[in-house]
Amino acid sequence: MNRSYHVCALSDQKKARSIEKEIKKVDGVQDIRISEDLKEMQIKMEYEKTPAVMERVVNICNRISNGCEVKYKFT
């Protein structure tokens, strides 16, 4: 399942790549991409693991880029 998220307060590409690298290791994540402008995140994950994956994603983003927030993007 693919989901899109808004990313707020992500400061630079180096942190974005670190976030992608760590999120790829989370159980249930198949792929992760953060846009070049650092404002959108696309995550491909197993549907049944969505709550656990997103809890880890939020924690990883906040730890690597202090104050970084992830919000579901309604389309």
N, C-alpha and C. Protein backbone atom coordinates (compact mmCIF):
# COMPACT_ATOMS: atom_id res chain seq x y z
N MET A 1 0.84 -1.16 0.00
CA MET A 1 0.00 0.00 0.00
C MET A 1 0.89 1.24 0.00
N ASN A 2 0.56 2.20 -0.84
CA ASN A 2 1.29 3.46 -0.91
C ASN A 2 0.52 4.54 -0.17
N ARG A 3 1.26 5.35 0.58
CA ARG A 3 0.65 6.49 1.28
C ARG A 3 1.55 7.70 1.13
N SER A 4 0.93 8.87 1.08
CA SER A 4 1.67 10.13 0.98
C SER A 4 1.51 10.92 2.27
N TYR A 5 2.58 11.59 2.68
CA TYR A 5 2.57 12.38 3.91
C TYR A 5 3.24 13.73 3.66
N HIS A 6 2.72 14.76 4.30
CA HIS A 6 3.38 16.07 4.32
C HIS A 6 4.49 15.99 5.35
N VAL A 7 5.62 16.59 5.03
CA VAL A 7 6.74 16.65 5.97
C VAL A 7 6.97 18.13 6.28
N CYS A 8 6.99 18.46 7.56
CA CYS A 8 7.20 19.85 8.00
C CYS A 8 8.49 19.94 8.81
N ALA A 9 9.24 21.00 8.60
CA ALA A 9 10.44 21.32 9.38
C ALA A 9 11.60 20.33 9.18
N LEU A 10 11.69 19.76 7.99
CA LEU A 10 12.87 18.94 7.65
C LEU A 10 13.89 19.89 7.05
N SER A 11 15.04 19.99 7.67
CA SER A 11 15.96 21.09 7.37
C SER A 11 16.90 20.90 6.18
N ASP A 12 17.34 19.66 5.88
CA ASP A 12 18.29 19.51 4.78
C ASP A 12 18.29 18.11 4.19
N GLN A 13 18.91 17.98 3.00
CA GLN A 13 18.96 16.71 2.28
C GLN A 13 19.69 15.61 3.05
N LYS A 14 20.74 15.96 3.76
CA LYS A 14 21.50 14.96 4.52
C LYS A 14 20.61 14.28 5.56
N LYS A 15 19.82 15.07 6.26
CA LYS A 15 18.90 14.50 7.25
C LYS A 15 17.82 13.68 6.56
N ALA A 16 17.34 14.14 5.42
CA ALA A 16 16.33 13.40 4.67
C ALA A 16 16.86 12.02 4.27
N ARG A 17 18.08 11.94 3.80
CA ARG A 17 18.67 10.66 3.41
C ARG A 17 18.87 9.75 4.63
N SER A 18 19.23 10.32 5.77
CA SER A 18 19.36 9.53 7.00
C SER A 18 18.01 8.97 7.42
N ILE A 19 16.98 9.79 7.31
CA ILE A 19 15.62 9.34 7.65
C ILE A 19 15.20 8.20 6.72
N GLU A 20 15.41 8.37 5.42
CA GLU A 20 15.06 7.31 4.47
C GLU A 20 15.80 6.00 4.81
N LYS A 21 17.06 6.11 5.10
CA LYS A 21 17.88 4.93 5.41
C LYS A 21 17.34 4.17 6.63
N GLU A 22 16.97 4.90 7.67
CA GLU A 22 16.46 4.25 8.89
C GLU A 22 15.05 3.69 8.68
N ILE A 23 14.21 4.44 7.97
CA ILE A 23 12.83 3.97 7.76
C ILE A 23 12.82 2.70 6.91
N LYS A 24 13.74 2.57 5.96
CA LYS A 24 13.82 1.36 5.14
C LYS A 24 14.04 0.11 5.98
N LYS A 25 14.62 0.26 7.16
CA LYS A 25 14.90 -0.87 8.05
C LYS A 25 13.69 -1.28 8.89
N VAL A 26 12.65 -0.45 8.93
CA VAL A 26 11.46 -0.72 9.75
C VAL A 26 10.68 -1.89 9.15
N ASP A 27 10.31 -2.83 10.01
CA ASP A 27 9.52 -4.00 9.59
C ASP A 27 8.21 -3.54 8.96
N GLY A 28 7.95 -4.00 7.75
CA GLY A 28 6.71 -3.66 7.05
C GLY A 28 6.88 -2.59 5.98
N VAL A 29 8.01 -1.89 5.97
CA VAL A 29 8.27 -0.87 4.96
C VAL A 29 8.93 -1.52 3.76
N GLN A 30 8.35 -1.27 2.58
CA GLN A 30 8.90 -1.81 1.35
C GLN A 30 9.72 -0.76 0.60
N ASP A 31 9.32 0.51 0.70
CA ASP A 31 10.06 1.60 0.05
C ASP A 31 9.68 2.93 0.69
N ILE A 32 10.60 3.87 0.64
CA ILE A 32 10.40 5.21 1.20
C ILE A 32 11.12 6.21 0.31
N ARG A 33 10.46 7.32 0.00
CA ARG A 33 11.07 8.40 -0.77
C ARG A 33 10.63 9.73 -0.19
N ILE A 34 11.59 10.61 0.02
CA ILE A 34 11.30 11.98 0.43
C ILE A 34 11.59 12.86 -0.78
N SER A 35 10.67 13.76 -1.10
CA SER A 35 10.82 14.60 -2.28
C SER A 35 12.03 15.51 -2.17
N GLU A 36 12.51 15.99 -3.31
CA GLU A 36 13.68 16.87 -3.35
C GLU A 36 13.47 18.17 -2.59
N ASP A 37 12.23 18.66 -2.56
CA ASP A 37 11.95 19.90 -1.83
C ASP A 37 11.71 19.66 -0.34
N LEU A 38 11.82 18.39 0.10
CA LEU A 38 11.72 17.99 1.52
C LEU A 38 10.33 18.23 2.11
N LYS A 39 9.30 18.25 1.28
CA LYS A 39 7.96 18.56 1.77
C LYS A 39 6.98 17.39 1.68
N GLU A 40 7.38 16.30 1.02
CA GLU A 40 6.49 15.16 0.87
C GLU A 40 7.25 13.86 1.02
N MET A 41 6.58 12.89 1.64
CA MET A 41 7.16 11.56 1.85
C MET A 41 6.19 10.53 1.28
N GLN A 42 6.70 9.63 0.47
CA GLN A 42 5.92 8.52 -0.07
C GLN A 42 6.42 7.24 0.60
N ILE A 43 5.52 6.49 1.20
CA ILE A 43 5.92 5.25 1.86
C ILE A 43 5.08 4.10 1.29
N LYS A 44 5.76 3.06 0.87
CA LYS A 44 5.09 1.83 0.46
C LYS A 44 5.28 0.84 1.60
N MET A 45 4.16 0.37 2.15
CA MET A 45 4.23 -0.50 3.33
C MET A 45 3.13 -1.55 3.30
N GLU A 46 3.29 -2.54 4.15
CA GLU A 46 2.26 -3.56 4.30
C GLU A 46 1.08 -2.95 5.06
N TYR A 47 -0.12 -3.09 4.52
CA TYR A 47 -1.31 -2.45 5.06
C TYR A 47 -1.52 -2.75 6.55
N GLU A 48 -1.41 -4.01 6.93
CA GLU A 48 -1.72 -4.41 8.30
C GLU A 48 -0.70 -3.87 9.32
N LYS A 49 0.43 -3.41 8.85
CA LYS A 49 1.46 -2.89 9.76
C LYS A 49 1.50 -1.36 9.80
N THR A 50 0.54 -0.70 9.15
CA THR A 50 0.54 0.76 9.05
C THR A 50 0.67 1.47 10.40
N PRO A 51 -0.13 1.15 11.42
CA PRO A 51 0.00 1.89 12.69
C PRO A 51 1.39 1.77 13.32
N ALA A 52 1.94 0.57 13.34
CA ALA A 52 3.27 0.37 13.94
C ALA A 52 4.35 1.07 13.11
N VAL A 53 4.24 0.98 11.79
CA VAL A 53 5.21 1.63 10.91
C VAL A 53 5.18 3.14 11.13
N MET A 54 4.00 3.72 11.16
CA MET A 54 3.90 5.18 11.27
C MET A 54 4.37 5.68 12.64
N GLU A 55 4.17 4.90 13.67
CA GLU A 55 4.70 5.28 14.98
C GLU A 55 6.22 5.38 14.92
N ARG A 56 6.85 4.40 14.29
CA ARG A 56 8.31 4.42 14.14
C ARG A 56 8.76 5.57 13.23
N VAL A 57 8.04 5.80 12.14
CA VAL A 57 8.39 6.87 11.20
C VAL A 57 8.39 8.23 11.90
N VAL A 58 7.35 8.51 12.67
CA VAL A 58 7.25 9.78 13.39
C VAL A 58 8.43 9.93 14.36
N ASN A 59 8.75 8.87 15.08
CA ASN A 59 9.86 8.93 16.04
C ASN A 59 11.20 9.12 15.34
N ILE A 60 11.41 8.43 14.24
CA ILE A 60 12.67 8.57 13.49
C ILE A 60 12.82 9.99 12.96
N CYS A 61 11.77 10.52 12.35
CA CYS A 61 11.84 11.88 11.79
C CYS A 61 12.13 12.90 12.88
N ASN A 62 11.47 12.80 14.00
CA ASN A 62 11.67 13.77 15.08
C ASN A 62 13.07 13.65 15.69
N ARG A 63 13.58 12.44 15.80
CA ARG A 63 14.91 12.23 16.39
C ARG A 63 16.02 12.77 15.48
N ILE A 64 15.92 12.49 14.18
CA ILE A 64 16.98 12.90 13.26
C ILE A 64 16.91 14.39 12.96
N SER A 65 15.72 14.92 12.75
CA SER A 65 15.55 16.34 12.45
C SER A 65 14.60 16.91 13.50
N ASN A 66 15.16 17.38 14.60
CA ASN A 66 14.38 17.85 15.74
C ASN A 66 13.26 18.79 15.29
N GLY A 67 12.04 18.45 15.67
CA GLY A 67 10.88 19.26 15.33
C GLY A 67 10.21 18.86 14.03
N CYS A 68 10.78 17.90 13.30
CA CYS A 68 10.19 17.44 12.05
C CYS A 68 8.86 16.74 12.34
N GLU A 69 7.83 17.09 11.56
CA GLU A 69 6.51 16.50 11.73
C GLU A 69 6.08 15.81 10.44
N VAL A 70 5.31 14.74 10.60
CA VAL A 70 4.78 13.99 9.47
C VAL A 70 3.27 13.97 9.61
N LYS A 71 2.56 14.40 8.55
CA LYS A 71 1.09 14.45 8.58
C LYS A 71 0.55 13.75 7.34
N TYR A 72 -0.52 12.97 7.53
CA TYR A 72 -1.14 12.27 6.42
C TYR A 72 -1.63 13.27 5.39
N LYS A 73 -1.39 12.98 4.14
CA LYS A 73 -1.79 13.86 3.04
C LYS A 73 -3.08 13.32 2.44
N PHE A 74 -4.18 14.00 2.66
CA PHE A 74 -5.46 13.60 2.09
C PHE A 74 -5.51 14.06 0.64
N THR A 75 -5.86 13.15 -0.27
CA THR A 75 -5.92 13.51 -1.68
C THR A 75 -7.30 13.39 -2.23
